[in-house]
């Protein structure tokens, strides 16, 4: 965490102890770390042609347009590309109760599983609205993806217009993961 964020955290921690802020508490993140996401390609996508990669990007960006996010205004789209090159889309759907909201990644996973495509995933892509940074799946979504995807599956994270992307494997995003094979018989 950078010095600026350490100072910010100290100020917020003292402010968070007041009863006024209890309902507005938000997770603290390092601003400098958030800005460091740029175009990286650490997980190969050699099994995709340029046209297929563009299809993946186009579908992730299109899925974001289907988001129902009237409260946070934070739109997210997800595309799961199957080995057949078919795409399954999902978008985040919010609810006035907040706890009833579902992320785009979990929407796409549920659609894939209920349509019978639970084990032939090629890659997964997500996009958010930010033009500056690429968003990554939240912790719950990473664990849900882990249930059905190979740890070496690439996850492509796009910025809002698709001009930047980061590619990581599921294992990169969820190291030392817990999966179905870890359950005792």
C-alpha atoms as a PDB file:
ATOM      1  CA  UNK A   1       0.000   0.000   0.000  1.00  0.00           C
ATOM      2  CA  UNK A   2       1.403   3.406  -0.929  1.00  0.00           C
ATOM      3  CA  UNK A   3       2.039   6.195   1.594  1.00  0.00           C
ATOM      4  CA  UNK A   4      -0.963   8.176   0.372  1.00  0.00           C
ATOM      5  CA  UNK A   5      -3.261   5.203   0.959  1.00  0.00           C
ATOM      6  CA  UNK A   6      -1.750   4.478   4.384  1.00  0.00           C
ATOM      7  CA  UNK A   7      -2.604   8.043   5.433  1.00  0.00           C
ATOM      8  CA  UNK A   8      -6.057   7.758   3.879  1.00  0.00           C
ATOM      9  CA  UNK A   9      -6.642   4.468   5.719  1.00  0.00           C
ATOM     10  CA  UNK A  10      -5.589   6.022   9.046  1.00  0.00           C
ATOM     11  CA  UNK A  11      -7.981   8.924   8.527  1.00  0.00           C
ATOM     12  CA  UNK A  12     -10.831   6.652   7.489  1.00  0.00           C
ATOM     13  CA  UNK A  13     -10.274   4.206  10.333  1.00  0.00           C
ATOM     14  CA  UNK A  14     -10.628   6.988  12.874  1.00  0.00           C
ATOM     15  CA  UNK A  15     -13.690   8.275  11.002  1.00  0.00           C
ATOM     16  CA  UNK A  16     -15.173   4.749  10.704  1.00  0.00           C
ATOM     17  CA  UNK A  17     -15.412   4.422  14.453  1.00  0.00           C
ATOM     18  CA  UNK A  18     -18.164   7.025  14.539  1.00  0.00           C
ATOM     19  CA  UNK A  19     -21.699   5.659  14.497  1.00  0.00           C
ATOM     20  CA  UNK A  20     -22.589   7.912  11.553  1.00  0.00           C
ATOM     21  CA  UNK A  21     -20.333   6.005   9.181  1.00  0.00           C
ATOM     22  CA  UNK A  22     -21.401   2.475  10.113  1.00  0.00           C
ATOM     23  CA  UNK A  23     -23.976   2.291   7.348  1.00  0.00           C
ATOM     24  CA  UNK A  24     -21.590   3.788   4.758  1.00  0.00           C
ATOM     25  CA  UNK A  25     -18.586   1.552   5.441  1.00  0.00           C
ATOM     26  CA  UNK A  26     -16.764   0.532   2.285  1.00  0.00           C
ATOM     27  CA  UNK A  27     -13.726  -1.690   1.732  1.00  0.00           C
ATOM     28  CA  UNK A  28     -10.457   0.212   1.609  1.00  0.00           C
ATOM     29  CA  UNK A  29      -8.266  -0.321  -1.395  1.00  0.00           C
ATOM     30  CA  UNK A  30      -4.921   1.060  -2.395  1.00  0.00           C
ATOM     31  CA  UNK A  31      -5.500   3.716  -5.041  1.00  0.00           C
ATOM     32  CA  UNK A  32      -2.006   3.238  -6.475  1.00  0.00           C
ATOM     33  CA  UNK A  33      -2.521  -0.500  -6.905  1.00  0.00           C
ATOM     34  CA  UNK A  34      -5.813   0.063  -8.706  1.00  0.00           C
ATOM     35  CA  UNK A  35      -4.096   2.296 -11.248  1.00  0.00           C
ATOM     36  CA  UNK A  36      -1.415  -0.259 -12.096  1.00  0.00           C
ATOM     37  CA  UNK A  37      -3.678  -2.555 -14.096  1.00  0.00           C
ATOM     38  CA  UNK A  38      -2.660  -2.141 -17.704  1.00  0.00           C
ATOM     39  CA  UNK A  39      -2.516  -4.352 -20.746  1.00  0.00           C
ATOM     40  CA  UNK A  40      -0.928  -7.606 -19.616  1.00  0.00           C
ATOM     41  CA  UNK A  41      -0.944 -10.993 -21.252  1.00  0.00           C
ATOM     42  CA  UNK A  42       0.227 -13.595 -18.755  1.00  0.00           C
ATOM     43  CA  UNK A  43      -2.079 -16.449 -19.711  1.00  0.00           C
ATOM     44  CA  UNK A  44      -1.831 -17.518 -23.349  1.00  0.00           C
ATOM     45  CA  UNK A  45      -4.875 -17.506 -25.586  1.00  0.00           C
ATOM     46  CA  UNK A  46      -3.195 -19.288 -28.494  1.00  0.00           C
ATOM     47  CA  UNK A  47      -6.287 -21.472 -28.917  1.00  0.00           C
ATOM     48  CA  UNK A  48      -8.302 -18.406 -30.011  1.00  0.00           C
ATOM     49  CA  UNK A  49      -8.022 -16.758 -33.397  1.00  0.00           C
ATOM     50  CA  UNK A  50      -8.085 -12.967 -33.636  1.00  0.00           C
ATOM     51  CA  UNK A  51     -11.711 -13.159 -34.801  1.00  0.00           C
ATOM     52  CA  UNK A  52     -12.667 -15.355 -31.846  1.00  0.00           C
ATOM     53  CA  UNK A  53     -10.926 -13.005 -29.409  1.00  0.00           C
ATOM     54  CA  UNK A  54     -12.822 -10.069 -30.936  1.00  0.00           C
ATOM     55  CA  UNK A  55     -16.065 -12.049 -30.600  1.00  0.00           C
ATOM     56  CA  UNK A  56     -15.267 -12.676 -26.918  1.00  0.00           C
ATOM     57  CA  UNK A  57     -14.606  -8.965 -26.354  1.00  0.00           C
ATOM     58  CA  UNK A  58     -17.683  -7.845 -28.293  1.00  0.00           C
ATOM     59  CA  UNK A  59     -19.912 -10.217 -26.307  1.00  0.00           C
ATOM     60  CA  UNK A  60     -18.477  -9.148 -22.930  1.00  0.00           C
ATOM     61  CA  UNK A  61     -19.062  -5.490 -23.835  1.00  0.00           C
ATOM     62  CA  UNK A  62     -22.556  -6.260 -25.168  1.00  0.00           C
ATOM     63  CA  UNK A  63     -23.483  -8.212 -22.033  1.00  0.00           C
ATOM     64  CA  UNK A  64     -22.641  -5.148 -19.942  1.00  0.00           C
ATOM     65  CA  UNK A  65     -25.360  -3.226 -21.802  1.00  0.00           C
ATOM     66  CA  UNK A  66     -27.919  -5.704 -20.414  1.00  0.00           C
ATOM     67  CA  UNK A  67     -27.003  -4.906 -16.804  1.00  0.00           C
ATOM     68  CA  UNK A  68     -29.729  -3.873 -14.387  1.00  0.00           C
ATOM     69  CA  UNK A  69     -27.847  -1.617 -11.981  1.00  0.00           C
ATOM     70  CA  UNK A  70     -30.056   1.358 -11.055  1.00  0.00           C
ATOM     71  CA  UNK A  71     -28.556   1.693  -7.552  1.00  0.00           C
ATOM     72  CA  UNK A  72     -24.790   1.464  -7.984  1.00  0.00           C
ATOM     73  CA  UNK A  73     -24.694   2.410 -11.680  1.00  0.00           C
ATOM     74  CA  UNK A  74     -21.812  -0.132 -11.839  1.00  0.00           C
ATOM     75  CA  UNK A  75     -22.490  -2.174 -14.963  1.00  0.00           C
ATOM     76  CA  UNK A  76     -20.655  -5.449 -15.556  1.00  0.00           C
ATOM     77  CA  UNK A  77     -20.930  -7.930 -18.405  1.00  0.00           C
ATOM     78  CA  UNK A  78     -19.574 -11.457 -18.670  1.00  0.00           C
ATOM     79  CA  UNK A  79     -19.080 -13.854 -21.561  1.00  0.00           C
ATOM     80  CA  UNK A  80     -18.226 -17.532 -21.181  1.00  0.00           C
ATOM     81  CA  UNK A  81     -16.884 -18.940 -24.446  1.00  0.00           C
ATOM     82  CA  UNK A  82     -17.388 -22.668 -24.802  1.00  0.00           C
ATOM     83  CA  UNK A  83     -15.042 -25.001 -26.683  1.00  0.00           C
ATOM     84  CA  UNK A  84     -17.619 -24.966 -29.499  1.00  0.00           C
ATOM     85  CA  UNK A  85     -17.032 -21.161 -29.639  1.00  0.00           C
ATOM     86  CA  UNK A  86     -20.628 -20.578 -28.518  1.00  0.00           C
ATOM     87  CA  UNK A  87     -20.923 -17.674 -26.069  1.00  0.00           C
ATOM     88  CA  UNK A  88     -23.043 -17.515 -22.931  1.00  0.00           C
ATOM     89  CA  UNK A  89     -23.635 -13.995 -21.618  1.00  0.00           C
ATOM     90  CA  UNK A  90     -24.451 -12.654 -18.192  1.00  0.00           C
ATOM     91  CA  UNK A  91     -24.891  -9.216 -16.639  1.00  0.00           C
ATOM     92  CA  UNK A  92     -25.110  -8.009 -13.074  1.00  0.00           C
ATOM     93  CA  UNK A  93     -28.642  -7.627 -11.725  1.00  0.00           C
ATOM     94  CA  UNK A  94     -29.213  -5.477  -8.645  1.00  0.00           C
ATOM     95  CA  UNK A  95     -32.050  -5.498  -6.165  1.00  0.00           C
ATOM     96  CA  UNK A  96     -33.328  -2.808  -3.811  1.00  0.00           C
ATOM     97  CA  UNK A  97     -32.385  -5.044  -0.887  1.00  0.00           C
ATOM     98  CA  UNK A  98     -28.734  -5.093  -2.123  1.00  0.00           C
ATOM     99  CA  UNK A  99     -28.236  -8.600  -0.707  1.00  0.00           C
ATOM    100  CA  UNK A 100     -30.340  -9.979  -3.539  1.00  0.00           C
ATOM    101  CA  UNK A 101     -27.992  -8.684  -6.232  1.00  0.00           C
ATOM    102  CA  UNK A 102     -26.080 -11.106  -8.457  1.00  0.00           C
ATOM    103  CA  UNK A 103     -22.825 -10.475 -10.283  1.00  0.00           C
ATOM    104  CA  UNK A 104     -22.462 -10.834 -14.053  1.00  0.00           C
ATOM    105  CA  UNK A 105     -20.078 -13.766 -13.696  1.00  0.00           C
ATOM    106  CA  UNK A 106     -22.482 -15.776 -11.552  1.00  0.00           C
ATOM    107  CA  UNK A 107     -25.342 -14.948 -13.929  1.00  0.00           C
ATOM    108  CA  UNK A 108     -23.311 -16.372 -16.829  1.00  0.00           C
ATOM    109  CA  UNK A 109     -22.255 -19.434 -14.802  1.00  0.00           C
ATOM    110  CA  UNK A 110     -25.868 -20.206 -13.852  1.00  0.00           C
ATOM    111  CA  UNK A 111     -26.952 -19.828 -17.490  1.00  0.00           C
ATOM    112  CA  UNK A 112     -24.129 -22.127 -18.636  1.00  0.00           C
ATOM    113  CA  UNK A 113     -24.865 -24.802 -16.043  1.00  0.00           C
ATOM    114  CA  UNK A 114     -28.629 -24.771 -16.580  1.00  0.00           C
ATOM    115  CA  UNK A 115     -28.174 -24.986 -20.357  1.00  0.00           C
ATOM    116  CA  UNK A 116     -26.055 -28.118 -19.971  1.00  0.00           C
ATOM    117  CA  UNK A 117     -22.665 -26.515 -20.630  1.00  0.00           C
ATOM    118  CA  UNK A 118     -21.001 -27.002 -17.297  1.00  0.00           C
ATOM    119  CA  UNK A 119     -17.698 -28.549 -18.274  1.00  0.00           C
ATOM    120  CA  UNK A 120     -16.627 -27.413 -21.740  1.00  0.00           C
ATOM    121  CA  UNK A 121     -15.559 -23.839 -21.056  1.00  0.00           C
ATOM    122  CA  UNK A 122     -12.744 -22.360 -23.102  1.00  0.00           C
ATOM    123  CA  UNK A 123     -12.384 -18.950 -21.436  1.00  0.00           C
ATOM    124  CA  UNK A 124     -14.325 -16.264 -19.600  1.00  0.00           C
ATOM    125  CA  UNK A 125     -14.302 -12.502 -20.166  1.00  0.00           C
ATOM    126  CA  UNK A 126     -15.711  -9.614 -18.150  1.00  0.00           C
ATOM    127  CA  UNK A 127     -16.047  -5.895 -18.755  1.00  0.00           C
ATOM    128  CA  UNK A 128     -16.975  -2.923 -16.627  1.00  0.00           C
ATOM    129  CA  UNK A 129     -17.659   0.713 -17.456  1.00  0.00           C
ATOM    130  CA  UNK A 130     -14.293   2.181 -16.464  1.00  0.00           C
ATOM    131  CA  UNK A 131     -12.147   3.309 -19.383  1.00  0.00           C
ATOM    132  CA  UNK A 132      -9.112   3.518 -17.105  1.00  0.00           C
ATOM    133  CA  UNK A 133      -8.992   0.078 -15.510  1.00  0.00           C
ATOM    134  CA  UNK A 134     -10.027  -3.506 -16.063  1.00  0.00           C
ATOM    135  CA  UNK A 135     -12.176  -5.095 -13.368  1.00  0.00           C
ATOM    136  CA  UNK A 136     -11.684  -8.590 -12.008  1.00  0.00           C
ATOM    137  CA  UNK A 137     -14.222 -11.056 -10.610  1.00  0.00           C
ATOM    138  CA  UNK A 138     -15.058 -10.682  -6.915  1.00  0.00           C
ATOM    139  CA  UNK A 139     -14.094 -13.431  -4.474  1.00  0.00           C
ATOM    140  CA  UNK A 140     -17.480 -15.148  -4.518  1.00  0.00           C
ATOM    141  CA  UNK A 141     -17.507 -15.212  -8.316  1.00  0.00           C
ATOM    142  CA  UNK A 142     -13.976 -16.630  -8.413  1.00  0.00           C
ATOM    143  CA  UNK A 143     -15.070 -19.478  -6.149  1.00  0.00           C
ATOM    144  CA  UNK A 144     -18.224 -20.158  -8.199  1.00  0.00           C
ATOM    145  CA  UNK A 145     -16.179 -20.186 -11.424  1.00  0.00           C
ATOM    146  CA  UNK A 146     -13.741 -22.581  -9.708  1.00  0.00           C
ATOM    147  CA  UNK A 147     -16.550 -25.101  -9.240  1.00  0.00           C
ATOM    148  CA  UNK A 148     -16.920 -25.592 -13.002  1.00  0.00           C
ATOM    149  CA  UNK A 149     -13.736 -24.372 -14.715  1.00  0.00           C
ATOM    150  CA  UNK A 150     -10.235 -25.718 -15.058  1.00  0.00           C
ATOM    151  CA  UNK A 151      -7.670 -23.803 -12.997  1.00  0.00           C
ATOM    152  CA  UNK A 152      -5.716 -23.066 -16.173  1.00  0.00           C
ATOM    153  CA  UNK A 153      -8.703 -21.469 -17.898  1.00  0.00           C
ATOM    154  CA  UNK A 154      -7.934 -17.911 -19.048  1.00  0.00           C
ATOM    155  CA  UNK A 155      -9.995 -15.057 -17.660  1.00  0.00           C
ATOM    156  CA  UNK A 156      -9.899 -11.903 -19.764  1.00  0.00           C
ATOM    157  CA  UNK A 157     -10.707  -8.623 -18.041  1.00  0.00           C
ATOM    158  CA  UNK A 158     -11.563  -5.683 -20.324  1.00  0.00           C
ATOM    159  CA  UNK A 159     -11.925  -1.989 -19.639  1.00  0.00           C
ATOM    160  CA  UNK A 160     -15.096  -0.170 -20.702  1.00  0.00           C
ATOM    161  CA  UNK A 161     -14.340   0.200 -24.407  1.00  0.00           C
ATOM    162  CA  UNK A 162     -12.235  -2.932 -24.837  1.00  0.00           C
ATOM    163  CA  UNK A 163      -9.043  -1.001 -25.592  1.00  0.00           C
ATOM    164  CA  UNK A 164      -7.240  -2.499 -22.574  1.00  0.00           C
ATOM    165  CA  UNK A 165      -7.286  -6.004 -21.216  1.00  0.00           C
ATOM    166  CA  UNK A 166      -5.621  -8.210 -18.647  1.00  0.00           C
ATOM    167  CA  UNK A 167      -5.443 -11.974 -19.036  1.00  0.00           C
ATOM    168  CA  UNK A 168      -4.915 -14.238 -16.035  1.00  0.00           C
ATOM    169  CA  UNK A 169      -5.684 -17.863 -15.343  1.00  0.00           C
ATOM    170  CA  UNK A 170      -8.232 -18.819 -12.727  1.00  0.00           C
ATOM    171  CA  UNK A 171      -5.327 -20.175 -10.679  1.00  0.00           C
ATOM    172  CA  UNK A 172      -3.666 -16.732 -10.792  1.00  0.00           C
ATOM    173  CA  UNK A 173      -6.863 -15.148  -9.468  1.00  0.00           C
ATOM    174  CA  UNK A 174      -7.627 -17.856  -6.900  1.00  0.00           C
ATOM    175  CA  UNK A 175      -4.361 -19.365  -5.619  1.00  0.00           C
ATOM    176  CA  UNK A 176      -4.513 -22.252  -3.134  1.00  0.00           C
ATOM    177  CA  UNK A 177      -8.145 -22.709  -4.100  1.00  0.00           C
ATOM    178  CA  UNK A 178     -10.655 -25.102  -2.582  1.00  0.00           C
ATOM    179  CA  UNK A 179     -12.661 -27.207  -4.998  1.00  0.00           C
ATOM    180  CA  UNK A 180     -14.925 -30.244  -5.190  1.00  0.00           C
ATOM    181  CA  UNK A 181     -11.945 -32.610  -5.156  1.00  0.00           C
ATOM    182  CA  UNK A 182     -10.923 -31.252  -1.730  1.00  0.00           C
ATOM    183  CA  UNK A 183     -14.069 -32.537  -0.012  1.00  0.00           C
ATOM    184  CA  UNK A 184     -13.630 -35.661   2.101  1.00  0.00           C
ATOM    185  CA  UNK A 185     -15.390 -38.772   0.835  1.00  0.00           C
END
